[in-house]
Amino acid sequence: MRNQPTWRIPAGVLLLVVALGLYSLAVANLVAPLIANWHALAQAPVYVVLGVIWLLPLRRFLIWMETGRWG
């Protein structure tokens, strides 16, 4: 457990917000036009998968924010 404040937490939160913004812009600009003509029930699984994919690296990123190590 740490007793001193660390720069990694505010920097990590800012980096996470920027990365999520860039990811959402990429999905909106690259994926949305490709599936715009699909039925809504066909689009839903695509957006569910894309909404979950960003969570995959999050665990290691949060560990880095707390400990300074990637694993």
PDB file of N, CA and C in Angstrom:
ATOM      1  N   MET A   1       0.841  -1.180   0.000  1.00  0.00           N
ATOM      2  CA  MET A   1       0.000   0.000   0.000  1.00  0.00           C
ATOM      3  C   MET A   1       0.886   1.243   0.000  1.00  0.00           C
ATOM      4  N   ARG A   2       0.527   2.195  -0.820  1.00  0.00           N
ATOM      5  CA  ARG A   2       1.361   3.396  -0.930  1.00  0.00           C
ATOM      6  C   ARG A   2       0.922   4.445   0.090  1.00  0.00           C
ATOM      7  N   ASN A   3       1.887   5.212   0.550  1.00  0.00           N
ATOM      8  CA  ASN A   3       1.614   6.282   1.512  1.00  0.00           C
ATOM      9  C   ASN A   3       1.753   7.661   0.889  1.00  0.00           C
ATOM     10  N   GLN A   4       2.393   7.726  -0.258  1.00  0.00           N
ATOM     11  CA  GLN A   4       2.637   8.990  -0.939  1.00  0.00           C
ATOM     12  C   GLN A   4       1.769   9.080  -2.191  1.00  0.00           C
ATOM     13  N   PRO A   5       1.329  10.292  -2.541  1.00  0.00           N
ATOM     14  CA  PRO A   5       0.608  10.441  -3.811  1.00  0.00           C
ATOM     15  C   PRO A   5       1.539  10.111  -4.976  1.00  0.00           C
ATOM     16  N   THR A   6       0.951   9.671  -6.053  1.00  0.00           N
ATOM     17  CA  THR A   6       1.743   9.321  -7.231  1.00  0.00           C
ATOM     18  C   THR A   6       1.187  10.042  -8.443  1.00  0.00           C
ATOM     19  N   TRP A   7       2.057  10.365  -9.381  1.00  0.00           N
ATOM     20  CA  TRP A   7       1.642  11.056 -10.600  1.00  0.00           C
ATOM     21  C   TRP A   7       0.910  10.122 -11.546  1.00  0.00           C
ATOM     22  N   ARG A   8       1.073   8.796 -11.354  1.00  0.00           N
ATOM     23  CA  ARG A   8       0.500   7.839 -12.302  1.00  0.00           C
ATOM     24  C   ARG A   8      -1.022   7.841 -12.302  1.00  0.00           C
ATOM     25  N   ILE A   9      -1.657   8.111 -11.194  1.00  0.00           N
ATOM     26  CA  ILE A   9      -3.118   8.041 -11.150  1.00  0.00           C
ATOM     27  C   ILE A   9      -3.758   9.186 -11.945  1.00  0.00           C
ATOM     28  N   PRO A  10      -3.439  10.457 -11.689  1.00  0.00           N
ATOM     29  CA  PRO A  10      -4.050  11.495 -12.532  1.00  0.00           C
ATOM     30  C   PRO A  10      -3.622  11.396 -13.996  1.00  0.00           C
ATOM     31  N   ALA A  11      -2.355  11.039 -14.239  1.00  0.00           N
ATOM     32  CA  ALA A  11      -1.900  10.881 -15.615  1.00  0.00           C
ATOM     33  C   ALA A  11      -2.620   9.713 -16.281  1.00  0.00           C
ATOM     34  N   GLY A  12      -2.824   8.640 -15.546  1.00  0.00           N
ATOM     35  CA  GLY A  12      -3.516   7.483 -16.085  1.00  0.00           C
ATOM     36  C   GLY A  12      -4.966   7.775 -16.406  1.00  0.00           C
ATOM     37  N   VAL A  13      -5.632   8.535 -15.534  1.00  0.00           N
ATOM     38  CA  VAL A  13      -7.026   8.896 -15.794  1.00  0.00           C
ATOM     39  C   VAL A  13      -7.121   9.772 -17.038  1.00  0.00           C
ATOM     40  N   LEU A  14      -6.236  10.744 -17.167  1.00  0.00           N
ATOM     41  CA  LEU A  14      -6.239  11.591 -18.362  1.00  0.00           C
ATOM     42  C   LEU A  14      -5.941  10.781 -19.616  1.00  0.00           C
ATOM     43  N   LEU A  15      -4.968   9.882 -19.532  1.00  0.00           N
ATOM     44  CA  LEU A  15      -4.635   9.038 -20.667  1.00  0.00           C
ATOM     45  C   LEU A  15      -5.804   8.130 -21.038  1.00  0.00           C
ATOM     46  N   LEU A  16      -6.489   7.610 -20.037  1.00  0.00           N
ATOM     47  CA  LEU A  16      -7.642   6.754 -20.290  1.00  0.00           C
ATOM     48  C   LEU A  16      -8.769   7.517 -20.975  1.00  0.00           C
ATOM     49  N   VAL A  17      -9.038   8.733 -20.538  1.00  0.00           N
ATOM     50  CA  VAL A  17     -10.083   9.550 -21.159  1.00  0.00           C
ATOM     51  C   VAL A  17      -9.727   9.863 -22.614  1.00  0.00           C
ATOM     52  N   VAL A  18      -8.471  10.224 -22.858  1.00  0.00           N
ATOM     53  CA  VAL A  18      -8.037  10.521 -24.221  1.00  0.00           C
ATOM     54  C   VAL A  18      -8.112   9.265 -25.090  1.00  0.00           C
ATOM     55  N   ALA A  19      -7.646   8.135 -24.575  1.00  0.00           N
ATOM     56  CA  ALA A  19      -7.665   6.894 -25.356  1.00  0.00           C
ATOM     57  C   ALA A  19      -9.093   6.465 -25.669  1.00  0.00           C
ATOM     58  N   LEU A  20     -10.000   6.571 -24.705  1.00  0.00           N
ATOM     59  CA  LEU A  20     -11.395   6.210 -24.956  1.00  0.00           C
ATOM     60  C   LEU A  20     -12.038   7.148 -25.963  1.00  0.00           C
ATOM     61  N   GLY A  21     -11.689   8.418 -25.903  1.00  0.00           N
ATOM     62  CA  GLY A  21     -12.197   9.369 -26.891  1.00  0.00           C
ATOM     63  C   GLY A  21     -11.727   9.033 -28.289  1.00  0.00           C
ATOM     64  N   LEU A  22     -10.442   8.712 -28.425  1.00  0.00           N
ATOM     65  CA  LEU A  22      -9.898   8.335 -29.732  1.00  0.00           C
ATOM     66  C   LEU A  22     -10.512   7.026 -30.226  1.00  0.00           C
ATOM     67  N   TYR A  23     -10.695   6.082 -29.320  1.00  0.00           N
ATOM     68  CA  TYR A  23     -11.307   4.801 -29.688  1.00  0.00           C
ATOM     69  C   TYR A  23     -12.740   5.013 -30.161  1.00  0.00           C
ATOM     70  N   SER A  24     -13.496   5.829 -29.447  1.00  0.00           N
ATOM     71  CA  SER A  24     -14.884   6.059 -29.851  1.00  0.00           C
ATOM     72  C   SER A  24     -14.966   6.805 -31.185  1.00  0.00           C
ATOM     73  N   LEU A  25     -14.059   7.738 -31.407  1.00  0.00           N
ATOM     74  CA  LEU A  25     -14.025   8.420 -32.703  1.00  0.00           C
ATOM     75  C   LEU A  25     -13.669   7.458 -33.836  1.00  0.00           C
ATOM     76  N   ALA A  26     -12.738   6.553 -33.577  1.00  0.00           N
ATOM     77  CA  ALA A  26     -12.360   5.574 -34.584  1.00  0.00           C
ATOM     78  C   ALA A  26     -13.533   4.651 -34.909  1.00  0.00           C
ATOM     79  N   VAL A  27     -14.235   4.202 -33.886  1.00  0.00           N
ATOM     80  CA  VAL A  27     -15.396   3.338 -34.120  1.00  0.00           C
ATOM     81  C   VAL A  27     -16.468   4.100 -34.888  1.00  0.00           C
ATOM     82  N   ALA A  28     -16.724   5.334 -34.487  1.00  0.00           N
ATOM     83  CA  ALA A  28     -17.768   6.122 -35.144  1.00  0.00           C
ATOM     84  C   ALA A  28     -17.423   6.428 -36.594  1.00  0.00           C
ATOM     85  N   ASN A  29     -16.152   6.664 -36.873  1.00  0.00           N
ATOM     86  CA  ASN A  29     -15.760   7.042 -38.242  1.00  0.00           C
ATOM     87  C   ASN A  29     -15.435   5.868 -39.152  1.00  0.00           C
ATOM     88  N   LEU A  30     -14.987   4.753 -38.566  1.00  0.00           N
ATOM     89  CA  LEU A  30     -14.569   3.623 -39.402  1.00  0.00           C
ATOM     90  C   LEU A  30     -15.605   2.504 -39.458  1.00  0.00           C
ATOM     91  N   VAL A  31     -16.192   2.170 -38.338  1.00  0.00           N
ATOM     92  CA  VAL A  31     -17.104   1.024 -38.282  1.00  0.00           C
ATOM     93  C   VAL A  31     -18.528   1.432 -38.630  1.00  0.00           C
ATOM     94  N   ALA A  32     -18.986   2.536 -38.091  1.00  0.00           N
ATOM     95  CA  ALA A  32     -20.379   2.940 -38.289  1.00  0.00           C
ATOM     96  C   ALA A  32     -20.764   3.043 -39.772  1.00  0.00           C
ATOM     97  N   PRO A  33     -19.950   3.644 -40.631  1.00  0.00           N
ATOM     98  CA  PRO A  33     -20.347   3.692 -42.047  1.00  0.00           C
ATOM     99  C   PRO A  33     -20.423   2.308 -42.700  1.00  0.00           C
ATOM    100  N   LEU A  34     -19.611   1.375 -42.219  1.00  0.00           N
ATOM    101  CA  LEU A  34     -19.615   0.034 -42.807  1.00  0.00           C
ATOM    102  C   LEU A  34     -20.883  -0.748 -42.478  1.00  0.00           C
ATOM    103  N   ILE A  35     -21.457  -0.493 -41.312  1.00  0.00           N
ATOM    104  CA  ILE A  35     -22.617  -1.280 -40.886  1.00  0.00           C
ATOM    105  C   ILE A  35     -23.892  -0.439 -40.806  1.00  0.00           C
ATOM    106  N   ALA A  36     -23.866   0.743 -41.347  1.00  0.00           N
ATOM    107  CA  ALA A  36     -25.019   1.655 -41.239  1.00  0.00           C
ATOM    108  C   ALA A  36     -26.268   1.088 -41.907  1.00  0.00           C
ATOM    109  N   ASN A  37     -26.114   0.312 -42.953  1.00  0.00           N
ATOM    110  CA  ASN A  37     -27.272  -0.213 -43.671  1.00  0.00           C
ATOM    111  C   ASN A  37     -27.750  -1.552 -43.126  1.00  0.00           C
ATOM    112  N   TRP A  38     -27.066  -2.078 -42.139  1.00  0.00           N
ATOM    113  CA  TRP A  38     -27.477  -3.351 -41.536  1.00  0.00           C
ATOM    114  C   TRP A  38     -28.712  -3.140 -40.680  1.00  0.00           C
ATOM    115  N   HIS A  39     -29.439  -4.214 -40.455  1.00  0.00           N
ATOM    116  CA  HIS A  39     -30.569  -4.189 -39.529  1.00  0.00           C
ATOM    117  C   HIS A  39     -30.036  -3.923 -38.118  1.00  0.00           C
ATOM    118  N   ALA A  40     -30.842  -3.285 -37.301  1.00  0.00           N
ATOM    119  CA  ALA A  40     -30.416  -2.923 -35.944  1.00  0.00           C
ATOM    120  C   ALA A  40     -30.011  -4.147 -35.125  1.00  0.00           C
ATOM    121  N   LEU A  41     -30.701  -5.270 -35.319  1.00  0.00           N
ATOM    122  CA  LEU A  41     -30.347  -6.479 -34.572  1.00  0.00           C
ATOM    123  C   LEU A  41     -29.022  -7.072 -35.047  1.00  0.00           C
ATOM    124  N   ALA A  42     -28.611  -6.769 -36.241  1.00  0.00           N
ATOM    125  CA  ALA A  42     -27.297  -7.200 -36.724  1.00  0.00           C
ATOM    126  C   ALA A  42     -26.203  -6.246 -36.260  1.00  0.00           C
ATOM    127  N   GLN A  43     -26.540  -4.976 -36.102  1.00  0.00           N
ATOM    128  CA  GLN A  43     -25.568  -3.990 -35.624  1.00  0.00           C
ATOM    129  C   GLN A  43     -25.274  -4.164 -34.141  1.00  0.00           C
ATOM    130  N   ALA A  44     -26.260  -4.563 -33.384  1.00  0.00           N
ATOM    131  CA  ALA A  44     -26.122  -4.636 -31.923  1.00  0.00           C
ATOM    132  C   ALA A  44     -24.939  -5.497 -31.476  1.00  0.00           C
ATOM    133  N   PRO A  45     -24.774  -6.730 -31.986  1.00  0.00           N
ATOM    134  CA  PRO A  45     -23.616  -7.515 -31.526  1.00  0.00           C
ATOM    135  C   PRO A  45     -22.273  -6.868 -31.867  1.00  0.00           C
ATOM    136  N   VAL A  46     -22.207  -6.171 -32.988  1.00  0.00           N
ATOM    137  CA  VAL A  46     -20.963  -5.498 -33.361  1.00  0.00           C
ATOM    138  C   VAL A  46     -20.621  -4.430 -32.320  1.00  0.00           C
ATOM    139  N   TYR A  47     -21.609  -3.638 -31.955  1.00  0.00           N
ATOM    140  CA  TYR A  47     -21.366  -2.580 -30.973  1.00  0.00           C
ATOM    141  C   TYR A  47     -21.128  -3.139 -29.570  1.00  0.00           C
ATOM    142  N   VAL A  48     -21.760  -4.259 -29.251  1.00  0.00           N
ATOM    143  CA  VAL A  48     -21.501  -4.894 -27.954  1.00  0.00           C
ATOM    144  C   VAL A  48     -20.054  -5.370 -27.890  1.00  0.00           C
ATOM    145  N   VAL A  49     -19.591  -6.024 -28.943  1.00  0.00           N
ATOM    146  CA  VAL A  49     -18.197  -6.501 -28.975  1.00  0.00           C
ATOM    147  C   VAL A  49     -17.237  -5.319 -28.919  1.00  0.00           C
ATOM    148  N   LEU A  50     -17.489  -4.282 -29.699  1.00  0.00           N
ATOM    149  CA  LEU A  50     -16.612  -3.107 -29.680  1.00  0.00           C
ATOM    150  C   LEU A  50     -16.670  -2.377 -28.342  1.00  0.00           C
ATOM    151  N   GLY A  51     -17.799  -2.461 -27.670  1.00  0.00           N
ATOM    152  CA  GLY A  51     -17.917  -1.842 -26.356  1.00  0.00           C
ATOM    153  C   GLY A  51     -17.189  -2.601 -25.271  1.00  0.00           C
ATOM    154  N   VAL A  52     -16.922  -3.885 -25.496  1.00  0.00           N
ATOM    155  CA  VAL A  52     -16.227  -4.709 -24.510  1.00  0.00           C
ATOM    156  C   VAL A  52     -14.729  -4.779 -24.790  1.00  0.00           C
ATOM    157  N   ILE A  53     -14.341  -4.649 -26.052  1.00  0.00           N
ATOM    158  CA  ILE A  53     -12.928  -4.784 -26.434  1.00  0.00           C
ATOM    159  C   ILE A  53     -12.022  -3.815 -25.667  1.00  0.00           C
ATOM    160  N   TRP A  54     -12.487  -2.600 -25.428  1.00  0.00           N
ATOM    161  CA  TRP A  54     -11.618  -1.628 -24.762  1.00  0.00           C
ATOM    162  C   TRP A  54     -11.326  -2.026 -23.317  1.00  0.00           C
ATOM    163  N   LEU A  55     -12.129  -2.939 -22.764  1.00  0.00           N
ATOM    164  CA  LEU A  55     -11.900  -3.390 -21.392  1.00  0.00           C
ATOM    165  C   LEU A  55     -10.715  -4.349 -21.270  1.00  0.00           C
ATOM    166  N   LEU A  56     -10.333  -5.003 -22.367  1.00  0.00           N
ATOM    167  CA  LEU A  56      -9.291  -6.022 -22.307  1.00  0.00           C
ATOM    168  C   LEU A  56      -7.959  -5.505 -21.741  1.00  0.00           C
ATOM    169  N   PRO A  57      -7.422  -4.375 -22.200  1.00  0.00           N
ATOM    170  CA  PRO A  57      -6.153  -3.910 -21.620  1.00  0.00           C
ATOM    171  C   PRO A  57      -6.327  -3.111 -20.323  1.00  0.00           C
ATOM    172  N   LEU A  58      -7.556  -2.915 -19.884  1.00  0.00           N
ATOM    173  CA  LEU A  58      -7.797  -2.033 -18.744  1.00  0.00           C
ATOM    174  C   LEU A  58      -7.205  -2.566 -17.446  1.00  0.00           C
ATOM    175  N   ARG A  59      -7.258  -3.874 -17.211  1.00  0.00           N
ATOM    176  CA  ARG A  59      -6.745  -4.441 -15.957  1.00  0.00           C
ATOM    177  C   ARG A  59      -5.264  -4.125 -15.774  1.00  0.00           C
ATOM    178  N   ARG A  60      -4.483  -4.382 -16.822  1.00  0.00           N
ATOM    179  CA  ARG A  60      -3.040  -4.123 -16.724  1.00  0.00           C
ATOM    180  C   ARG A  60      -2.764  -2.630 -16.569  1.00  0.00           C
ATOM    181  N   PHE A  61      -3.562  -1.808 -17.233  1.00  0.00           N
ATOM    182  CA  PHE A  61      -3.392  -0.357 -17.129  1.00  0.00           C
ATOM    183  C   PHE A  61      -3.680   0.115 -15.700  1.00  0.00           C
ATOM    184  N   LEU A  62      -4.744  -0.403 -15.084  1.00  0.00           N
ATOM    185  CA  LEU A  62      -5.063  -0.030 -13.707  1.00  0.00           C
ATOM    186  C   LEU A  62      -4.000  -0.530 -12.731  1.00  0.00           C
ATOM    187  N   ILE A  63      -3.437  -1.706 -12.994  1.00  0.00           N
ATOM    188  CA  ILE A  63      -2.334  -2.194 -12.156  1.00  0.00           C
ATOM    189  C   ILE A  63      -1.143  -1.251 -12.266  1.00  0.00           C
ATOM    190  N   TRP A  64      -0.841  -0.795 -13.479  1.00  0.00           N
ATOM    191  CA  TRP A  64       0.264   0.154 -13.648  1.00  0.00           C
ATOM    192  C   TRP A  64      -0.011   1.447 -12.890  1.00  0.00           C
ATOM    193  N   MET A  65      -1.243   1.946 -12.975  1.00  0.00           N
ATOM    194  CA  MET A  65      -1.575   3.191 -12.277  1.00  0.00           C
ATOM    195  C   MET A  65      -1.354   3.051 -10.774  1.00  0.00           C
ATOM    196  N   GLU A  66      -1.666   1.892 -10.219  1.00  0.00           N
ATOM    197  CA  GLU A  66      -1.557   1.702  -8.770  1.00  0.00           C
ATOM    198  C   GLU A  66      -0.149   1.339  -8.317  1.00  0.00           C
ATOM    199  N   THR A  67       0.549   0.473  -9.080  1.00  0.00           N
ATOM    200  CA  THR A  67       1.826  -0.049  -8.603  1.00  0.00           C
ATOM    201  C   THR A  67       3.028   0.434  -9.376  1.00  0.00           C
ATOM    202  N   GLY A  68       2.855   0.843 -10.627  1.00  0.00           N
ATOM    203  CA  GLY A  68       3.986   1.223 -11.459  1.00  0.00           C
ATOM    204  C   GLY A  68       4.533   0.060 -12.256  1.00  0.00           C
ATOM    205  N   ARG A  69       3.938  -1.116 -12.106  1.00  0.00           N
ATOM    206  CA  ARG A  69       4.341  -2.309 -12.872  1.00  0.00           C
ATOM    207  C   ARG A  69       3.196  -2.687 -13.795  1.00  0.00           C
ATOM    208  N   TRP A  70       3.495  -3.381 -14.903  1.00  0.00           N
ATOM    209  CA  TRP A  70       2.464  -3.759 -15.878  1.00  0.00           C
ATOM    210  C   TRP A  70       1.854  -5.117 -15.580  1.00  0.00           C
ATOM    211  N   GLY A  71       2.313  -5.816 -14.598  1.00  0.00           N
ATOM    212  CA  GLY A  71       1.754  -7.151 -14.355  1.00  0.00           C
ATOM    213  C   GLY A  71       1.488  -7.438 -12.908  1.00  0.00           C
TER     214      GLY A  71
END
